[in-house]
C-alpha atoms as a PDB file:
ATOM      1  CA  MET A   1      63.300  80.651 -19.416  1.00  0.00           C
ATOM      2  CA  SER A   2      62.969  81.766 -16.260  1.00  0.00           C
ATOM      3  CA  ILE A   3      62.192  79.306 -12.911  1.00  0.00           C
ATOM      4  CA  SER A   4      60.447  80.101  -9.788  1.00  0.00           C
ATOM      5  CA  LYS A   5      62.244  79.888  -6.637  1.00  0.00           C
ATOM      6  CA  GLU A   6      60.430  76.081  -5.601  1.00  0.00           C
ATOM      7  CA  LEU A   7      61.918  75.330  -9.112  1.00  0.00           C
ATOM      8  CA  LYS A   8      65.131  75.924  -8.403  1.00  0.00           C
ATOM      9  CA  GLU A   9      65.305  74.106  -4.955  1.00  0.00           C
ATOM     10  CA  LEU A  10      63.899  71.106  -6.652  1.00  0.00           C
ATOM     11  CA  LEU A  11      66.266  71.299  -9.176  1.00  0.00           C
ATOM     12  CA  GLN A  12      69.265  71.846  -7.083  1.00  0.00           C
ATOM     13  CA  ASN A  13      68.404  68.678  -4.646  1.00  0.00           C
ATOM     14  CA  LYS A  14      68.081  66.385  -7.423  1.00  0.00           C
ATOM     15  CA  VAL A  15      71.706  67.893  -8.934  1.00  0.00           C
ATOM     16  CA  LYS A  16      73.038  67.090  -5.065  1.00  0.00           C
ATOM     17  CA  ASN A  17      71.585  63.705  -5.919  1.00  0.00           C
ATOM     18  CA  ILE A  18      73.132  62.846  -8.875  1.00  0.00           C
ATOM     19  CA  LEU A  19      76.429  64.659  -7.974  1.00  0.00           C
ATOM     20  CA  THR A  20      76.420  62.561  -4.868  1.00  0.00           C
ATOM     21  CA  ASN A  21      75.625  59.496  -6.265  1.00  0.00           C
ATOM     22  CA  ILE A  22      77.253  59.970  -9.903  1.00  0.00           C
ATOM     23  CA  PRO A  23      80.827  61.361  -9.559  1.00  0.00           C
ATOM     24  CA  ILE A  24      81.232  61.447 -13.573  1.00  0.00           C
ATOM     25  CA  THR A  25      78.897  64.176 -13.600  1.00  0.00           C
ATOM     26  CA  ARG A  26      80.512  66.716 -11.188  1.00  0.00           C
ATOM     27  CA  ASP A  27      82.739  66.805 -14.093  1.00  0.00           C
ATOM     28  CA  CYS A  28      80.384  68.056 -16.594  1.00  0.00           C
ATOM     29  CA  ASP A  29      77.510  69.372 -16.949  1.00  0.00           C
ATOM     30  CA  ARG A  30      76.388  67.643 -20.274  1.00  0.00           C
ATOM     31  CA  GLN A  31      76.207  64.121 -18.062  1.00  0.00           C
ATOM     32  CA  LEU A  32      75.058  65.963 -15.621  1.00  0.00           C
ATOM     33  CA  SER A  33      71.938  67.422 -17.705  1.00  0.00           C
ATOM     34  CA  VAL A  34      71.323  63.986 -19.232  1.00  0.00           C
ATOM     35  CA  TYR A  35      70.632  62.168 -16.421  1.00  0.00           C
ATOM     36  CA  ILE A  36      68.349  65.360 -15.189  1.00  0.00           C
ATOM     37  CA  TRP A  37      66.342  65.307 -18.503  1.00  0.00           C
ATOM     38  CA  LYS A  38      66.119  61.157 -18.345  1.00  0.00           C
ATOM     39  CA  ASN A  39      64.561  61.303 -14.786  1.00  0.00           C
ATOM     40  CA  GLN A  40      62.087  64.376 -15.931  1.00  0.00           C
ATOM     41  CA  LEU A  41      60.984  62.481 -19.382  1.00  0.00           C
ATOM     42  CA  SER A  42      60.205  59.198 -17.348  1.00  0.00           C
ATOM     43  CA  GLN A  43      58.420  61.400 -14.471  1.00  0.00           C
ATOM     44  CA  LEU A  44      56.625  62.821 -17.992  1.00  0.00           C
ATOM     45  CA  ASN A  45      56.048  59.590 -19.367  1.00  0.00           C
ATOM     46  CA  ILE A  46      57.479  60.344 -22.573  1.00  0.00           C
ATOM     47  CA  LEU A  47      59.825  58.086 -24.447  1.00  0.00           C
ATOM     48  CA  GLU A  48      63.104  59.637 -25.214  1.00  0.00           C
ATOM     49  CA  ILE A  49      62.822  59.721 -28.839  1.00  0.00           C
ATOM     50  CA  ASP A  50      60.687  62.558 -28.824  1.00  0.00           C
ATOM     51  CA  PHE A  51      63.252  64.172 -26.332  1.00  0.00           C
ATOM     52  CA  LEU A  52      64.106  67.076 -29.123  1.00  0.00           C
ATOM     53  CA  LYS A  53      60.511  68.049 -29.395  1.00  0.00           C
ATOM     54  CA  VAL A  54      59.939  68.148 -25.356  1.00  0.00           C
ATOM     55  CA  TYR A  55      63.135  70.151 -25.121  1.00  0.00           C
ATOM     56  CA  THR A  56      61.798  72.727 -27.209  1.00  0.00           C
ATOM     57  CA  SER A  57      59.114  72.980 -25.930  1.00  0.00           C
ATOM     58  CA  LYS A  58      60.446  74.570 -22.358  1.00  0.00           C
ATOM     59  CA  LEU A  59      59.326  71.265 -19.850  1.00  0.00           C
ATOM     60  CA  LEU A  60      63.210  70.125 -19.362  1.00  0.00           C
ATOM     61  CA  TYR A  61      65.260  72.323 -17.182  1.00  0.00           C
ATOM     62  CA  SER A  62      68.082  74.175 -19.469  1.00  0.00           C
ATOM     63  CA  GLN A  63      71.222  73.120 -20.166  1.00  0.00           C
ATOM     64  CA  GLU A  64      72.127  76.898 -18.481  1.00  0.00           C
ATOM     65  CA  SER A  65      70.011  75.962 -15.363  1.00  0.00           C
ATOM     66  CA  ILE A  66      71.036  72.935 -14.776  1.00  0.00           C
ATOM     67  CA  GLY A  67      75.001  74.119 -14.606  1.00  0.00           C
ATOM     68  CA  ARG A  68      73.972  76.990 -12.795  1.00  0.00           C
ATOM     69  CA  ALA A  69      72.410  74.501  -9.918  1.00  0.00           C
ATOM     70  CA  LYS A  70      75.868  72.366 -10.388  1.00  0.00           C
ATOM     71  CA  ARG A  71      77.596  75.126  -9.316  1.00  0.00           C
ATOM     72  CA  LYS A  72      75.840  76.654  -6.380  1.00  0.00           C
ATOM     73  CA  ILE A  73      75.155  72.887  -5.025  1.00  0.00           C
ATOM     74  CA  GLN A  74      79.784  72.548  -5.388  1.00  0.00           C
ATOM     75  CA  GLU A  75      79.771  75.818  -3.920  1.00  0.00           C
ATOM     76  CA  LYS A  76      78.189  74.905  -0.699  1.00  0.00           C
ATOM     77  CA  TYR A  77      79.310  71.286  -0.606  1.00  0.00           C
ATOM     78  CA  PRO A  78      82.872  71.369  -2.177  1.00  0.00           C
ATOM     79  CA  GLU A  79      83.348  67.565  -1.912  1.00  0.00           C
ATOM     80  CA  LEU A  80      80.651  67.396  -4.769  1.00  0.00           C
ATOM     81  CA  LYS A  81      83.367  69.548  -6.870  1.00  0.00           C
ATOM     82  CA  GLY A  82      85.247  67.435  -9.722  1.00  0.00           C
ATOM     83  CA  LEU A  83      88.531  67.487 -10.555  1.00  0.00           C
ATOM     84  CA  ASP A  84      90.711  70.682 -10.042  1.00  0.00           C
ATOM     85  CA  LYS A  85      91.437  71.835 -13.897  1.00  0.00           C
ATOM     86  CA  LYS A  86      93.864  73.698 -12.794  1.00  0.00           C
ATOM     87  CA  GLU A  87      96.336  71.955 -11.089  1.00  0.00           C
ATOM     88  CA  GLU A  88      95.721  69.127 -13.556  1.00  0.00           C
ATOM     89  CA  SER A  89      96.551  72.049 -16.072  1.00  0.00           C
ATOM     90  CA  LYS A  90      99.922  72.782 -14.380  1.00  0.00           C
ATOM     91  CA  LYS A  91     100.968  69.746 -14.267  1.00  0.00           C
ATOM     92  CA  VAL A  92     100.440  69.192 -17.969  1.00  0.00           C
ATOM     93  CA  ILE A  93     102.125  71.822 -18.662  1.00  0.00           C
ATOM     94  CA  LYS A  94     105.176  70.688 -15.956  1.00  0.00           C
ATOM     95  CA  ILE A  95     105.538  67.687 -18.099  1.00  0.00           C
ATOM     96  CA  LEU A  96     105.188  68.973 -21.534  1.00  0.00           C
ATOM     97  CA  LYS A  97     108.106  71.532 -20.848  1.00  0.00           C
ATOM     98  CA  ASP A  98     110.415  68.691 -19.255  1.00  0.00           C
ATOM     99  CA  ASP A  99     109.974  66.824 -21.860  1.00  0.00           C
ATOM    100  CA  ASN A 100     110.942  69.680 -24.438  1.00  0.00           C
ATOM    101  CA  ILE A 101     114.018  70.771 -21.884  1.00  0.00           C
ATOM    102  CA  LYS A 102     115.327  67.056 -22.925  1.00  0.00           C
END
């Protein structure tokens, strides 16, 4: 689903707000998507139980669009990035290698 420039800006504003206020969403597109969708469902007066019907009707932002918006916001606002996965991976690898040496 291609979304207009205006919808992209609205989504980016929502994503920035959520990344700012709910840090767990900085590392997980699924968590971020749930917060976005929950907000949209509330605005549409749709019970969460009907989520699958609504999602397949394309009334909600796709997870791909949410992920792209997140990356764009994190590019503009580095303080909204999550943990540095490469640095974490290096630490884990070093620990595992050190344990194998002993």
